[in-house]
ModelCIF file with pLDDT and N, C-alpha, C, O atoms, coordinates in Angstrom:
data_MODEL
#
_entry.id   MODEL 
#
_entity.id                         1 
_entity.type                       polymer 
_entity.pdbx_number_of_molecules   1 
#
_entity_poly.entity_id                      1 
_entity_poly.type                           'polypeptide(L)' 
_entity_poly.nstd_linkage                   no 
_entity_poly.nstd_monomer                   no 
_entity_poly.pdbx_seq_one_letter_code       DVLELQAHGGPVVLQLLLLRCLQAASELEPLSGLARLPGLRVAQPG 
_entity_poly.pdbx_seq_one_letter_code_can   DVLELQAHGGPVVLQLLLLRCLQAASELEPLSGLARLPGLRVAQPG 
_entity_poly.pdbx_strand_id                 A 
#
loop_
_entity_poly_seq.entity_id 
_entity_poly_seq.num 
_entity_poly_seq.mon_id 
_entity_poly_seq.hetero 
1 1  ASP n 
1 2  VAL n 
1 3  LEU n 
1 4  GLU n 
1 5  LEU n 
1 6  GLN n 
1 7  ALA n 
1 8  HIS n 
1 9  GLY n 
1 10 GLY n 
1 11 PRO n 
1 12 VAL n 
1 13 VAL n 
1 14 LEU n 
1 15 GLN n 
1 16 LEU n 
1 17 LEU n 
1 18 LEU n 
1 19 LEU n 
1 20 ARG n 
1 21 CYS n 
1 22 LEU n 
1 23 GLN n 
1 24 ALA n 
1 25 ALA n 
1 26 SER n 
1 27 GLU n 
1 28 LEU n 
1 29 GLU n 
1 30 PRO n 
1 31 LEU n 
1 32 SER n 
1 33 GLY n 
1 34 LEU n 
1 35 ALA n 
1 36 ARG n 
1 37 LEU n 
1 38 PRO n 
1 39 GLY n 
1 40 LEU n 
1 41 ARG n 
1 42 VAL n 
1 43 ALA n 
1 44 GLN n 
1 45 PRO n 
1 46 GLY n 
#
_struct_asym.id          A 
_struct_asym.entity_id   1 
#
loop_
_ma_qa_metric.id 
_ma_qa_metric.mode 
_ma_qa_metric.name 
_ma_qa_metric.software_group_id 
_ma_qa_metric.type 
1 global pLDDT . pLDDT 
2 local  pLDDT . pLDDT 
#
_ma_qa_metric_global.metric_id      1 
_ma_qa_metric_global.metric_value   80.74 
_ma_qa_metric_global.model_id       1 
_ma_qa_metric_global.ordinal_id     1 
#
loop_
_ma_qa_metric_local.label_asym_id 
_ma_qa_metric_local.label_comp_id 
_ma_qa_metric_local.label_seq_id 
_ma_qa_metric_local.metric_id 
_ma_qa_metric_local.metric_value 
_ma_qa_metric_local.model_id 
_ma_qa_metric_local.ordinal_id 
A ASP 1  2 95.00 1 1  
A VAL 2  2 96.00 1 2  
A LEU 3  2 96.00 1 3  
A GLU 4  2 96.00 1 4  
A LEU 5  2 96.00 1 5  
A GLN 6  2 96.00 1 6  
A ALA 7  2 95.00 1 7  
A HIS 8  2 95.00 1 8  
A GLY 9  2 92.00 1 9  
A GLY 10 2 92.00 1 10 
A PRO 11 2 93.00 1 11 
A VAL 12 2 95.00 1 12 
A VAL 13 2 95.00 1 13 
A LEU 14 2 95.00 1 14 
A GLN 15 2 94.00 1 15 
A LEU 16 2 95.00 1 16 
A LEU 17 2 95.00 1 17 
A LEU 18 2 93.00 1 18 
A LEU 19 2 93.00 1 19 
A ARG 20 2 93.00 1 20 
A CYS 21 2 91.00 1 21 
A LEU 22 2 89.00 1 22 
A GLN 23 2 88.00 1 23 
A ALA 24 2 88.00 1 24 
A ALA 25 2 84.00 1 25 
A SER 26 2 80.00 1 26 
A GLU 27 2 77.00 1 27 
A LEU 28 2 72.00 1 28 
A GLU 29 2 59.00 1 29 
A PRO 30 2 53.00 1 30 
A LEU 31 2 48.00 1 31 
A SER 32 2 41.00 1 32 
A GLY 33 2 47.00 1 33 
A LEU 34 2 43.00 1 34 
A ALA 35 2 43.00 1 35 
A ARG 36 2 45.00 1 36 
A LEU 37 2 47.00 1 37 
A PRO 38 2 49.00 1 38 
A GLY 39 2 65.00 1 39 
A LEU 40 2 80.00 1 40 
A ARG 41 2 86.00 1 41 
A VAL 42 2 89.00 1 42 
A ALA 43 2 90.00 1 43 
A GLN 44 2 90.00 1 44 
A PRO 45 2 90.00 1 45 
A GLY 46 2 90.00 1 46 
#
loop_
_atom_site.group_PDB 
_atom_site.id 
_atom_site.type_symbol 
_atom_site.label_atom_id 
_atom_site.label_alt_id 
_atom_site.label_comp_id 
_atom_site.label_asym_id 
_atom_site.label_entity_id 
_atom_site.label_seq_id 
_atom_site.pdbx_PDB_ins_code 
_atom_site.Cartn_x 
_atom_site.Cartn_y 
_atom_site.Cartn_z 
_atom_site.occupancy 
_atom_site.B_iso_or_equiv 
_atom_site.pdbx_formal_charge 
_atom_site.auth_seq_id 
_atom_site.auth_comp_id 
_atom_site.auth_asym_id 
_atom_site.auth_atom_id 
_atom_site.pdbx_PDB_model_num 
ATOM 1   N N  . ASP A 1 1  ? 0.869  -1.233 0.063  1.00 95.00 ? 1  ASP A N  1 
ATOM 2   C CA . ASP A 1 1  ? 0.022  0.160  0.088  1.00 95.00 ? 1  ASP A CA 1 
ATOM 3   C C  . ASP A 1 1  ? 0.722  1.178  -0.046 1.00 95.00 ? 1  ASP A C  1 
ATOM 4   O O  . ASP A 1 1  ? 1.726  1.255  0.662  1.00 95.00 ? 1  ASP A O  1 
ATOM 5   N N  . VAL A 1 2  ? 0.441  2.176  -0.908 1.00 96.00 ? 2  VAL A N  1 
ATOM 6   C CA . VAL A 1 2  ? 1.320  3.375  -0.883 1.00 96.00 ? 2  VAL A CA 1 
ATOM 7   C C  . VAL A 1 2  ? 0.303  4.635  -0.505 1.00 96.00 ? 2  VAL A C  1 
ATOM 8   O O  . VAL A 1 2  ? -0.866 4.675  -0.886 1.00 96.00 ? 2  VAL A O  1 
ATOM 9   N N  . LEU A 1 3  ? 0.832  5.483  0.169  1.00 96.00 ? 3  LEU A N  1 
ATOM 10  C CA . LEU A 1 3  ? -0.168 6.830  0.460  1.00 96.00 ? 3  LEU A CA 1 
ATOM 11  C C  . LEU A 1 3  ? 0.869  8.016  0.015  1.00 96.00 ? 3  LEU A C  1 
ATOM 12  O O  . LEU A 1 3  ? 2.016  8.084  0.458  1.00 96.00 ? 3  LEU A O  1 
ATOM 13  N N  . GLU A 1 4  ? 0.283  8.988  -0.967 1.00 96.00 ? 4  GLU A N  1 
ATOM 14  C CA . GLU A 1 4  ? 1.237  10.163 -1.101 1.00 96.00 ? 4  GLU A CA 1 
ATOM 15  C C  . GLU A 1 4  ? 0.299  11.337 -0.847 1.00 96.00 ? 4  GLU A C  1 
ATOM 16  O O  . GLU A 1 4  ? -0.788 11.410 -1.420 1.00 96.00 ? 4  GLU A O  1 
ATOM 17  N N  . LEU A 1 5  ? 0.724  12.244 0.006  1.00 96.00 ? 5  LEU A N  1 
ATOM 18  C CA . LEU A 1 5  ? 0.455  13.499 0.313  1.00 96.00 ? 5  LEU A CA 1 
ATOM 19  C C  . LEU A 1 5  ? 0.938  14.476 -0.136 1.00 96.00 ? 5  LEU A C  1 
ATOM 20  O O  . LEU A 1 5  ? 2.037  14.753 0.346  1.00 96.00 ? 5  LEU A O  1 
ATOM 21  N N  . GLN A 1 6  ? 0.385  15.440 -1.231 1.00 96.00 ? 6  GLN A N  1 
ATOM 22  C CA . GLN A 1 6  ? 0.838  16.334 -1.913 1.00 96.00 ? 6  GLN A CA 1 
ATOM 23  C C  . GLN A 1 6  ? 0.403  17.773 -1.344 1.00 96.00 ? 6  GLN A C  1 
ATOM 24  O O  . GLN A 1 6  ? -0.641 18.357 -1.635 1.00 96.00 ? 6  GLN A O  1 
ATOM 25  N N  . ALA A 1 7  ? 1.309  18.183 -0.562 1.00 95.00 ? 7  ALA A N  1 
ATOM 26  C CA . ALA A 1 7  ? 1.311  19.450 0.172  1.00 95.00 ? 7  ALA A CA 1 
ATOM 27  C C  . ALA A 1 7  ? 1.918  20.535 -0.698 1.00 95.00 ? 7  ALA A C  1 
ATOM 28  O O  . ALA A 1 7  ? 2.311  20.530 -1.865 1.00 95.00 ? 7  ALA A O  1 
ATOM 29  N N  . HIS A 1 8  ? 1.855  21.686 0.464  1.00 95.00 ? 8  HIS A N  1 
ATOM 30  C CA . HIS A 1 8  ? 2.817  22.838 -0.084 1.00 95.00 ? 8  HIS A CA 1 
ATOM 31  C C  . HIS A 1 8  ? 4.292  22.720 0.096  1.00 95.00 ? 8  HIS A C  1 
ATOM 32  O O  . HIS A 1 8  ? 4.593  22.423 1.252  1.00 95.00 ? 8  HIS A O  1 
ATOM 33  N N  . GLY A 1 9  ? 5.094  22.839 -0.557 1.00 92.00 ? 9  GLY A N  1 
ATOM 34  C CA . GLY A 1 9  ? 6.548  22.628 -0.103 1.00 92.00 ? 9  GLY A CA 1 
ATOM 35  C C  . GLY A 1 9  ? 7.293  23.394 0.723  1.00 92.00 ? 9  GLY A C  1 
ATOM 36  O O  . GLY A 1 9  ? 8.425  23.639 0.305  1.00 92.00 ? 9  GLY A O  1 
ATOM 37  N N  . GLY A 1 10 ? 6.899  23.985 2.100  1.00 92.00 ? 10 GLY A N  1 
ATOM 38  C CA . GLY A 1 10 ? 7.622  24.288 3.271  1.00 92.00 ? 10 GLY A CA 1 
ATOM 39  C C  . GLY A 1 10 ? 8.102  23.155 3.931  1.00 92.00 ? 10 GLY A C  1 
ATOM 40  O O  . GLY A 1 10 ? 7.386  22.160 4.043  1.00 92.00 ? 10 GLY A O  1 
ATOM 41  N N  . PRO A 1 11 ? 9.341  23.199 4.423  1.00 93.00 ? 11 PRO A N  1 
ATOM 42  C CA . PRO A 1 11 ? 9.747  22.421 5.210  1.00 93.00 ? 11 PRO A CA 1 
ATOM 43  C C  . PRO A 1 11 ? 9.081  21.959 6.806  1.00 93.00 ? 11 PRO A C  1 
ATOM 44  O O  . PRO A 1 11 ? 9.147  20.833 7.299  1.00 93.00 ? 11 PRO A O  1 
ATOM 45  N N  . VAL A 1 12 ? 8.529  23.008 7.332  1.00 95.00 ? 12 VAL A N  1 
ATOM 46  C CA . VAL A 1 12 ? 7.546  22.813 8.512  1.00 95.00 ? 12 VAL A CA 1 
ATOM 47  C C  . VAL A 1 12 ? 6.288  22.223 8.374  1.00 95.00 ? 12 VAL A C  1 
ATOM 48  O O  . VAL A 1 12 ? 5.784  21.547 9.271  1.00 95.00 ? 12 VAL A O  1 
ATOM 49  N N  . VAL A 1 13 ? 5.728  22.451 7.246  1.00 95.00 ? 13 VAL A N  1 
ATOM 50  C CA . VAL A 1 13 ? 4.450  21.702 6.771  1.00 95.00 ? 13 VAL A CA 1 
ATOM 51  C C  . VAL A 1 13 ? 4.762  20.226 6.568  1.00 95.00 ? 13 VAL A C  1 
ATOM 52  O O  . VAL A 1 13 ? 3.914  19.449 7.007  1.00 95.00 ? 13 VAL A O  1 
ATOM 53  N N  . LEU A 1 14 ? 5.879  19.687 5.954  1.00 95.00 ? 14 LEU A N  1 
ATOM 54  C CA . LEU A 1 14 ? 6.091  18.622 5.325  1.00 95.00 ? 14 LEU A CA 1 
ATOM 55  C C  . LEU A 1 14 ? 6.607  17.964 6.636  1.00 95.00 ? 14 LEU A C  1 
ATOM 56  O O  . LEU A 1 14 ? 6.352  16.759 6.631  1.00 95.00 ? 14 LEU A O  1 
ATOM 57  N N  . GLN A 1 15 ? 7.136  18.302 7.552  1.00 94.00 ? 15 GLN A N  1 
ATOM 58  C CA . GLN A 1 15 ? 7.568  17.842 9.013  1.00 94.00 ? 15 GLN A CA 1 
ATOM 59  C C  . GLN A 1 15 ? 6.354  17.530 9.895  1.00 94.00 ? 15 GLN A C  1 
ATOM 60  O O  . GLN A 1 15 ? 6.226  16.525 10.593 1.00 94.00 ? 15 GLN A O  1 
ATOM 61  N N  . LEU A 1 16 ? 5.412  18.618 9.752  1.00 95.00 ? 16 LEU A N  1 
ATOM 62  C CA . LEU A 1 16 ? 4.123  18.299 10.443 1.00 95.00 ? 16 LEU A CA 1 
ATOM 63  C C  . LEU A 1 16 ? 3.412  16.871 9.926  1.00 95.00 ? 16 LEU A C  1 
ATOM 64  O O  . LEU A 1 16 ? 2.951  15.957 10.609 1.00 95.00 ? 16 LEU A O  1 
ATOM 65  N N  . LEU A 1 17 ? 3.471  16.978 8.843  1.00 95.00 ? 17 LEU A N  1 
ATOM 66  C CA . LEU A 1 17 ? 2.599  15.672 8.093  1.00 95.00 ? 17 LEU A CA 1 
ATOM 67  C C  . LEU A 1 17 ? 3.318  14.473 8.385  1.00 95.00 ? 17 LEU A C  1 
ATOM 68  O O  . LEU A 1 17 ? 2.735  13.390 8.439  1.00 95.00 ? 17 LEU A O  1 
ATOM 69  N N  . LEU A 1 18 ? 4.581  14.596 8.582  1.00 93.00 ? 18 LEU A N  1 
ATOM 70  C CA . LEU A 1 18 ? 5.615  13.300 8.605  1.00 93.00 ? 18 LEU A CA 1 
ATOM 71  C C  . LEU A 1 18 ? 5.240  12.799 10.182 1.00 93.00 ? 18 LEU A C  1 
ATOM 72  O O  . LEU A 1 18 ? 5.120  11.620 10.514 1.00 93.00 ? 18 LEU A O  1 
ATOM 73  N N  . LEU A 1 19 ? 5.090  13.914 11.031 1.00 93.00 ? 19 LEU A N  1 
ATOM 74  C CA . LEU A 1 19 ? 4.628  13.763 12.446 1.00 93.00 ? 19 LEU A CA 1 
ATOM 75  C C  . LEU A 1 19 ? 3.363  13.088 12.746 1.00 93.00 ? 19 LEU A C  1 
ATOM 76  O O  . LEU A 1 19 ? 3.185  12.290 13.666 1.00 93.00 ? 19 LEU A O  1 
ATOM 77  N N  . ARG A 1 20 ? 2.376  13.538 11.762 1.00 93.00 ? 20 ARG A N  1 
ATOM 78  C CA . ARG A 1 20 ? 0.882  13.072 11.853 1.00 93.00 ? 20 ARG A CA 1 
ATOM 79  C C  . ARG A 1 20 ? 0.828  11.770 11.551 1.00 93.00 ? 20 ARG A C  1 
ATOM 80  O O  . ARG A 1 20 ? 0.100  11.011 12.191 1.00 93.00 ? 20 ARG A O  1 
ATOM 81  N N  . CYS A 1 21 ? 1.553  11.377 10.595 1.00 91.00 ? 21 CYS A N  1 
ATOM 82  C CA . CYS A 1 21 ? 1.651  10.297 10.116 1.00 91.00 ? 21 CYS A CA 1 
ATOM 83  C C  . CYS A 1 21 ? 1.946  8.853  11.125 1.00 91.00 ? 21 CYS A C  1 
ATOM 84  O O  . CYS A 1 21 ? 1.335  7.792  11.254 1.00 91.00 ? 21 CYS A O  1 
ATOM 85  N N  . LEU A 1 22 ? 3.299  9.465  11.793 1.00 89.00 ? 22 LEU A N  1 
ATOM 86  C CA . LEU A 1 22 ? 3.702  8.510  12.958 1.00 89.00 ? 22 LEU A CA 1 
ATOM 87  C C  . LEU A 1 22 ? 2.681  8.434  14.003 1.00 89.00 ? 22 LEU A C  1 
ATOM 88  O O  . LEU A 1 22 ? 2.518  7.397  14.645 1.00 89.00 ? 22 LEU A O  1 
ATOM 89  N N  . GLN A 1 23 ? 1.819  9.748  14.246 1.00 88.00 ? 23 GLN A N  1 
ATOM 90  C CA . GLN A 1 23 ? 0.923  9.861  15.346 1.00 88.00 ? 23 GLN A CA 1 
ATOM 91  C C  . GLN A 1 23 ? -0.136 8.783  15.109 1.00 88.00 ? 23 GLN A C  1 
ATOM 92  O O  . GLN A 1 23 ? -0.445 7.967  15.978 1.00 88.00 ? 23 GLN A O  1 
ATOM 93  N N  . ALA A 1 24 ? -0.695 8.823  13.843 1.00 88.00 ? 24 ALA A N  1 
ATOM 94  C CA . ALA A 1 24 ? -1.574 8.037  13.333 1.00 88.00 ? 24 ALA A CA 1 
ATOM 95  C C  . ALA A 1 24 ? -1.590 6.388  13.079 1.00 88.00 ? 24 ALA A C  1 
ATOM 96  O O  . ALA A 1 24 ? -2.539 5.610  12.995 1.00 88.00 ? 24 ALA A O  1 
ATOM 97  N N  . ALA A 1 25 ? -0.059 6.161  12.985 1.00 84.00 ? 25 ALA A N  1 
ATOM 98  C CA . ALA A 1 25 ? 0.057  4.753  13.416 1.00 84.00 ? 25 ALA A CA 1 
ATOM 99  C C  . ALA A 1 25 ? 0.134  4.302  14.817 1.00 84.00 ? 25 ALA A C  1 
ATOM 100 O O  . ALA A 1 25 ? -0.067 3.175  15.270 1.00 84.00 ? 25 ALA A O  1 
ATOM 101 N N  . SER A 1 26 ? 0.517  5.574  15.517 1.00 80.00 ? 26 SER A N  1 
ATOM 102 C CA . SER A 1 26 ? 0.336  4.878  16.991 1.00 80.00 ? 26 SER A CA 1 
ATOM 103 C C  . SER A 1 26 ? -1.088 4.662  17.488 1.00 80.00 ? 26 SER A C  1 
ATOM 104 O O  . SER A 1 26 ? -1.419 3.685  18.160 1.00 80.00 ? 26 SER A O  1 
ATOM 105 N N  . GLU A 1 27 ? -2.136 5.914  17.009 1.00 77.00 ? 27 GLU A N  1 
ATOM 106 C CA . GLU A 1 27 ? -3.166 5.510  17.268 1.00 77.00 ? 27 GLU A CA 1 
ATOM 107 C C  . GLU A 1 27 ? -4.159 4.486  17.038 1.00 77.00 ? 27 GLU A C  1 
ATOM 108 O O  . GLU A 1 27 ? -5.141 4.135  17.693 1.00 77.00 ? 27 GLU A O  1 
ATOM 109 N N  . LEU A 1 28 ? -3.584 4.034  15.778 1.00 72.00 ? 28 LEU A N  1 
ATOM 110 C CA . LEU A 1 28 ? -4.357 2.928  15.074 1.00 72.00 ? 28 LEU A CA 1 
ATOM 111 C C  . LEU A 1 28 ? -3.535 1.485  15.657 1.00 72.00 ? 28 LEU A C  1 
ATOM 112 O O  . LEU A 1 28 ? -3.761 0.499  14.955 1.00 72.00 ? 28 LEU A O  1 
ATOM 113 N N  . GLU A 1 29 ? -2.854 1.312  16.539 1.00 59.00 ? 29 GLU A N  1 
ATOM 114 C CA . GLU A 1 29 ? -2.236 0.168  16.765 1.00 59.00 ? 29 GLU A CA 1 
ATOM 115 C C  . GLU A 1 29 ? -3.156 -0.736 17.448 1.00 59.00 ? 29 GLU A C  1 
ATOM 116 O O  . GLU A 1 29 ? -3.328 -1.866 16.989 1.00 59.00 ? 29 GLU A O  1 
ATOM 117 N N  . PRO A 1 30 ? -3.825 -0.310 18.603 1.00 53.00 ? 30 PRO A N  1 
ATOM 118 C CA . PRO A 1 30 ? -4.995 -1.571 19.137 1.00 53.00 ? 30 PRO A CA 1 
ATOM 119 C C  . PRO A 1 30 ? -5.885 -1.796 18.290 1.00 53.00 ? 30 PRO A C  1 
ATOM 120 O O  . PRO A 1 30 ? -6.752 -2.563 18.709 1.00 53.00 ? 30 PRO A O  1 
ATOM 121 N N  . LEU A 1 31 ? -6.043 -1.388 17.120 1.00 48.00 ? 31 LEU A N  1 
ATOM 122 C CA . LEU A 1 31 ? -7.289 -1.667 16.163 1.00 48.00 ? 31 LEU A CA 1 
ATOM 123 C C  . LEU A 1 31 ? -6.961 -2.945 15.727 1.00 48.00 ? 31 LEU A C  1 
ATOM 124 O O  . LEU A 1 31 ? -5.762 -3.217 15.674 1.00 48.00 ? 31 LEU A O  1 
ATOM 125 N N  . SER A 1 32 ? -7.988 -4.003 15.319 1.00 41.00 ? 32 SER A N  1 
ATOM 126 C CA . SER A 1 32 ? -7.895 -5.047 14.730 1.00 41.00 ? 32 SER A CA 1 
ATOM 127 C C  . SER A 1 32 ? -7.363 -5.037 13.267 1.00 41.00 ? 32 SER A C  1 
ATOM 128 O O  . SER A 1 32 ? -7.990 -4.368 12.446 1.00 41.00 ? 32 SER A O  1 
ATOM 129 N N  . GLY A 1 33 ? -6.078 -5.837 12.813 1.00 47.00 ? 33 GLY A N  1 
ATOM 130 C CA . GLY A 1 33 ? -5.844 -6.123 11.713 1.00 47.00 ? 33 GLY A CA 1 
ATOM 131 C C  . GLY A 1 33 ? -4.810 -5.026 11.565 1.00 47.00 ? 33 GLY A C  1 
ATOM 132 O O  . GLY A 1 33 ? -4.269 -5.118 10.463 1.00 47.00 ? 33 GLY A O  1 
ATOM 133 N N  . LEU A 1 34 ? -4.407 -4.152 12.194 1.00 43.00 ? 34 LEU A N  1 
ATOM 134 C CA . LEU A 1 34 ? -3.467 -3.062 12.033 1.00 43.00 ? 34 LEU A CA 1 
ATOM 135 C C  . LEU A 1 34 ? -2.171 -3.548 12.980 1.00 43.00 ? 34 LEU A C  1 
ATOM 136 O O  . LEU A 1 34 ? -1.363 -2.729 13.419 1.00 43.00 ? 34 LEU A O  1 
ATOM 137 N N  . ALA A 1 35 ? -2.100 -4.677 13.180 1.00 43.00 ? 35 ALA A N  1 
ATOM 138 C CA . ALA A 1 35 ? -0.707 -4.858 14.206 1.00 43.00 ? 35 ALA A CA 1 
ATOM 139 C C  . ALA A 1 35 ? 0.559  -4.120 13.354 1.00 43.00 ? 35 ALA A C  1 
ATOM 140 O O  . ALA A 1 35 ? 1.438  -3.507 13.960 1.00 43.00 ? 35 ALA A O  1 
ATOM 141 N N  . ARG A 1 36 ? 0.553  -4.225 12.165 1.00 45.00 ? 36 ARG A N  1 
ATOM 142 C CA . ARG A 1 36 ? 1.694  -3.914 11.493 1.00 45.00 ? 36 ARG A CA 1 
ATOM 143 C C  . ARG A 1 36 ? 2.419  -2.598 11.373 1.00 45.00 ? 36 ARG A C  1 
ATOM 144 O O  . ARG A 1 36 ? 3.595  -2.347 11.111 1.00 45.00 ? 36 ARG A O  1 
ATOM 145 N N  . LEU A 1 37 ? 1.206  -1.698 11.685 1.00 47.00 ? 37 LEU A N  1 
ATOM 146 C CA . LEU A 1 37 ? 1.150  -0.259 11.543 1.00 47.00 ? 37 LEU A CA 1 
ATOM 147 C C  . LEU A 1 37 ? 2.392  0.323  12.592 1.00 47.00 ? 37 LEU A C  1 
ATOM 148 O O  . LEU A 1 37 ? 3.095  1.247  12.182 1.00 47.00 ? 37 LEU A O  1 
ATOM 149 N N  . PRO A 1 38 ? 2.617  -0.225 13.889 1.00 49.00 ? 38 PRO A N  1 
ATOM 150 C CA . PRO A 1 38 ? 3.474  0.312  14.734 1.00 49.00 ? 38 PRO A CA 1 
ATOM 151 C C  . PRO A 1 38 ? 5.026  0.304  14.013 1.00 49.00 ? 38 PRO A C  1 
ATOM 152 O O  . PRO A 1 38 ? 6.003  0.914  14.447 1.00 49.00 ? 38 PRO A O  1 
ATOM 153 N N  . GLY A 1 39 ? 4.992  -0.319 13.126 1.00 65.00 ? 39 GLY A N  1 
ATOM 154 C CA . GLY A 1 39 ? 6.525  -0.525 12.609 1.00 65.00 ? 39 GLY A CA 1 
ATOM 155 C C  . GLY A 1 39 ? 6.859  0.697  11.675 1.00 65.00 ? 39 GLY A C  1 
ATOM 156 O O  . GLY A 1 39 ? 7.967  0.808  11.151 1.00 65.00 ? 39 GLY A O  1 
ATOM 157 N N  . LEU A 1 40 ? 5.979  1.488  11.516 1.00 80.00 ? 40 LEU A N  1 
ATOM 158 C CA . LEU A 1 40 ? 6.202  2.793  10.589 1.00 80.00 ? 40 LEU A CA 1 
ATOM 159 C C  . LEU A 1 40 ? 7.462  3.680  11.002 1.00 80.00 ? 40 LEU A C  1 
ATOM 160 O O  . LEU A 1 40 ? 7.760  3.810  12.189 1.00 80.00 ? 40 LEU A O  1 
ATOM 161 N N  . ARG A 1 41 ? 8.103  4.213  10.103 1.00 86.00 ? 41 ARG A N  1 
ATOM 162 C CA . ARG A 1 41 ? 9.294  4.522  10.600 1.00 86.00 ? 41 ARG A CA 1 
ATOM 163 C C  . ARG A 1 41 ? 9.855  5.494  9.380  1.00 86.00 ? 41 ARG A C  1 
ATOM 164 O O  . ARG A 1 41 ? 9.284  5.407  8.293  1.00 86.00 ? 41 ARG A O  1 
ATOM 165 N N  . VAL A 1 42 ? 11.002 6.454  9.538  1.00 89.00 ? 42 VAL A N  1 
ATOM 166 C CA . VAL A 1 42 ? 11.242 7.178  8.548  1.00 89.00 ? 42 VAL A CA 1 
ATOM 167 C C  . VAL A 1 42 ? 12.077 6.250  7.457  1.00 89.00 ? 42 VAL A C  1 
ATOM 168 O O  . VAL A 1 42 ? 12.848 5.485  8.036  1.00 89.00 ? 42 VAL A O  1 
ATOM 169 N N  . ALA A 1 43 ? 12.098 6.161  6.296  1.00 90.00 ? 43 ALA A N  1 
ATOM 170 C CA . ALA A 1 43 ? 12.707 5.269  5.101  1.00 90.00 ? 43 ALA A CA 1 
ATOM 171 C C  . ALA A 1 43 ? 14.045 5.559  5.419  1.00 90.00 ? 43 ALA A C  1 
ATOM 172 O O  . ALA A 1 43 ? 14.349 6.508  6.142  1.00 90.00 ? 43 ALA A O  1 
ATOM 173 N N  . GLN A 1 44 ? 15.015 4.644  4.822  1.00 90.00 ? 44 GLN A N  1 
ATOM 174 C CA . GLN A 1 44 ? 16.283 4.571  4.621  1.00 90.00 ? 44 GLN A CA 1 
ATOM 175 C C  . GLN A 1 44 ? 16.322 5.110  3.245  1.00 90.00 ? 44 GLN A C  1 
ATOM 176 O O  . GLN A 1 44 ? 15.343 5.074  2.499  1.00 90.00 ? 44 GLN A O  1 
ATOM 177 N N  . PRO A 1 45 ? 17.526 5.636  2.905  1.00 90.00 ? 45 PRO A N  1 
ATOM 178 C CA . PRO A 1 45 ? 17.994 6.212  1.527  1.00 90.00 ? 45 PRO A CA 1 
ATOM 179 C C  . PRO A 1 45 ? 17.745 5.058  0.417  1.00 90.00 ? 45 PRO A C  1 
ATOM 180 O O  . PRO A 1 45 ? 18.562 4.137  0.418  1.00 90.00 ? 45 PRO A O  1 
ATOM 181 N N  . GLY A 1 46 ? 16.805 5.027  -0.427 1.00 90.00 ? 46 GLY A N  1 
ATOM 182 C CA . GLY A 1 46 ? 16.566 4.059  -1.439 1.00 90.00 ? 46 GLY A CA 1 
ATOM 183 C C  . GLY A 1 46 ? 15.818 2.886  -1.139 1.00 90.00 ? 46 GLY A C  1 
ATOM 184 O O  . GLY A 1 46 ? 15.610 2.046  -2.014 1.00 90.00 ? 46 GLY A O  1 
#
């Protein structure tokens, strides 16, 4: 699954979106079928 969010290109805006993705993964952890989401992390190069 791939999710792309295209926002305005300000560094602060993009960092806020990045943090929101991590927060959402944490909130969804207890839900059924989403046990893999807590592994969400910042990607390595490539």
